[in-house]
Amino acid sequence: MTNADRRLLWHGMLVVVLGLVVGFGIPAFANPRMGVAAHVGALMNGMLVVLFGLLWPHLRLAERWRRAAFSTAIFSAYANTAALTLAAAFGTSRMTPLAGAGHAGSGLQEAVVDVLLVAGAVATLAAAGLVLAGLGRRA
């Protein structure tokens, strides 16, 4: 196991633990329904990073693309988890109308959640694309 594999596994499990902790706070959030979404989203984001760590030894990517995949994978997990947790705490709903129905945050709160959700989504797509490309290359 390389250092990158272990770091991806560690960060992925940390995000899973954070998601479990978020689950305890669901009743205290301004929007408990979004709290459930934050809890489940963190668990899924953490498990995705764990999966990337398990796939890491099988990637065939140039070093700069490996660094990009690693960085975007970790960033995406934390950005998505933070965005969903803040959306639950602030009660924002602009980017999450189904889970946020009936709630609204201030303009600044909505903007912070929006930026984190978009950045996290783009980073997740980039990391997954790079991992997929690295798995598709032949030795």
Protein backbone atom coordinates (compact mmCIF):
# COMPACT_ATOMS: atom_id res chain seq x y z
CA MET A 1 0.00 0.00 0.00
CA THR A 2 1.37 3.40 -0.96
CA ASN A 3 1.13 6.57 1.06
CA ALA A 4 -1.55 7.95 -1.29
CA ASP A 5 -3.72 4.81 -0.85
CA ARG A 6 -3.51 5.07 2.92
CA ARG A 7 -4.25 8.80 2.94
CA LEU A 8 -7.32 8.33 0.74
CA LEU A 9 -8.54 5.52 3.01
CA TRP A 10 -7.89 7.64 6.12
CA HIS A 11 -9.65 10.74 4.78
CA GLY A 12 -12.54 8.65 3.49
CA MET A 13 -13.02 7.04 6.89
CA LEU A 14 -12.74 10.42 8.61
CA VAL A 15 -15.57 11.76 6.43
CA VAL A 16 -17.62 8.65 7.29
CA VAL A 17 -17.05 9.32 11.01
CA LEU A 18 -18.02 12.98 10.50
CA GLY A 19 -21.19 11.79 8.78
CA LEU A 20 -22.01 9.57 11.73
CA VAL A 21 -21.51 12.51 14.10
CA VAL A 22 -23.77 14.68 11.92
CA GLY A 23 -26.42 11.98 12.33
CA PHE A 24 -26.51 12.61 16.08
CA GLY A 25 -27.26 16.28 15.48
CA ILE A 26 -30.19 15.83 13.09
CA PRO A 27 -32.87 17.02 15.56
CA ALA A 28 -30.89 20.17 16.38
CA PHE A 29 -30.53 21.43 12.80
CA ALA A 30 -32.62 24.33 11.53
CA ASN A 31 -33.77 21.89 8.82
CA PRO A 32 -33.72 18.32 10.17
CA ARG A 33 -34.67 16.87 6.78
CA MET A 34 -31.51 18.45 5.33
CA GLY A 35 -29.66 17.06 8.34
CA VAL A 36 -30.61 13.56 7.16
CA ALA A 37 -29.34 14.48 3.69
CA ALA A 38 -26.07 15.75 5.21
CA HIS A 39 -25.68 12.55 7.24
CA VAL A 40 -26.27 10.25 4.27
CA GLY A 41 -24.27 12.49 1.91
CA ALA A 42 -21.24 12.43 4.19
CA LEU A 43 -21.40 8.65 4.47
CA MET A 44 -21.58 8.32 0.69
CA ASN A 45 -18.80 10.86 0.05
CA GLY A 46 -16.56 9.14 2.57
CA MET A 47 -17.18 5.74 1.04
CA LEU A 48 -16.41 7.13 -2.43
CA VAL A 49 -13.01 8.32 -1.20
CA VAL A 50 -12.43 4.91 0.41
CA LEU A 51 -13.27 3.30 -2.93
CA PHE A 52 -10.78 5.60 -4.68
CA GLY A 53 -8.16 4.51 -2.14
CA LEU A 54 -8.85 0.85 -2.88
CA LEU A 55 -8.66 1.46 -6.64
CA TRP A 56 -5.55 3.65 -6.41
CA PRO A 57 -2.95 0.89 -7.02
CA HIS A 58 -4.71 -0.02 -10.28
CA LEU A 59 -4.61 3.47 -11.83
CA ARG A 60 -2.39 4.15 -14.78
CA LEU A 61 -2.06 7.92 -14.81
CA ALA A 62 0.79 10.36 -15.27
CA GLU A 63 2.00 11.75 -11.94
CA ARG A 64 0.38 15.16 -12.40
CA TRP A 65 -3.01 13.52 -13.13
CA ARG A 66 -2.60 11.25 -10.09
CA ARG A 67 -2.01 14.33 -7.93
CA ALA A 68 -5.06 16.00 -9.46
CA ALA A 69 -7.22 12.92 -8.84
CA PHE A 70 -5.98 12.67 -5.25
CA SER A 71 -6.54 16.35 -4.46
CA THR A 72 -9.94 16.59 -6.07
CA ALA A 73 -11.14 13.38 -4.39
CA ILE A 74 -10.29 14.64 -0.92
CA PHE A 75 -11.50 18.19 -1.57
CA SER A 76 -14.80 16.96 -2.95
CA ALA A 77 -15.59 14.84 0.11
CA TYR A 78 -14.97 17.68 2.56
CA ALA A 79 -16.65 20.35 0.39
CA ASN A 80 -19.79 18.26 -0.16
CA THR A 81 -19.99 17.29 3.51
CA ALA A 82 -19.49 20.87 4.66
CA ALA A 83 -22.04 22.20 2.17
CA LEU A 84 -24.78 19.78 3.19
CA THR A 85 -24.10 20.22 6.90
CA LEU A 86 -24.14 24.01 6.58
CA ALA A 87 -27.35 23.81 4.52
CA ALA A 88 -28.94 21.86 7.39
CA ALA A 89 -27.62 24.25 10.03
CA PHE A 90 -28.50 27.44 8.13
CA GLY A 91 -31.78 26.16 6.70
CA THR A 92 -30.81 27.10 3.14
CA SER A 93 -32.78 25.78 0.20
CA ARG A 94 -31.79 27.52 -3.05
CA MET A 95 -29.60 24.65 -4.28
CA THR A 96 -31.47 21.90 -2.43
CA PRO A 97 -35.16 22.65 -2.99
CA LEU A 98 -36.47 19.17 -2.16
CA ALA A 99 -34.75 18.76 1.20
CA GLY A 100 -34.87 22.48 1.93
CA ALA A 101 -38.52 23.12 1.11
CA GLY A 102 -40.04 25.69 3.44
CA HIS A 103 -36.66 26.94 4.68
CA ALA A 104 -34.46 29.84 3.64
CA GLY A 105 -31.15 31.19 4.81
CA SER A 106 -29.71 34.66 4.48
CA GLY A 107 -28.19 35.69 1.17
CA LEU A 108 -24.67 35.07 2.44
CA GLN A 109 -25.60 31.65 3.86
CA GLU A 110 -27.22 30.63 0.58
CA ALA A 111 -24.16 31.83 -1.36
CA VAL A 112 -21.71 29.90 0.84
CA VAL A 113 -23.71 26.69 0.47
CA ASP A 114 -24.09 27.27 -3.29
CA VAL A 115 -20.35 27.73 -3.84
CA LEU A 116 -19.46 24.67 -1.76
CA LEU A 117 -22.07 22.48 -3.47
CA VAL A 118 -20.98 23.48 -6.97
CA ALA A 119 -17.26 23.19 -6.18
CA GLY A 120 -17.81 19.82 -4.50
CA ALA A 121 -19.87 18.50 -7.40
CA VAL A 122 -17.32 19.60 -10.00
CA ALA A 123 -14.47 18.12 -7.95
CA THR A 124 -16.33 14.82 -7.50
CA LEU A 125 -16.95 14.57 -11.23
CA ALA A 126 -13.31 15.42 -12.00
CA ALA A 127 -11.95 12.87 -9.52
CA ALA A 128 -14.29 10.14 -10.75
CA GLY A 129 -13.39 10.92 -14.37
CA LEU A 130 -9.68 10.77 -13.64
CA VAL A 131 -10.03 7.50 -11.73
CA LEU A 132 -12.10 6.05 -14.57
CA ALA A 133 -9.52 7.18 -17.14
CA GLY A 134 -6.73 5.68 -15.03
CA LEU A 135 -8.53 2.37 -14.81
CA GLY A 136 -9.18 2.31 -18.56
CA ARG A 137 -5.56 2.62 -19.61
CA ARG A 138 -3.63 -0.49 -20.49
CA ALA A 139 -0.22 -1.27 -19.01
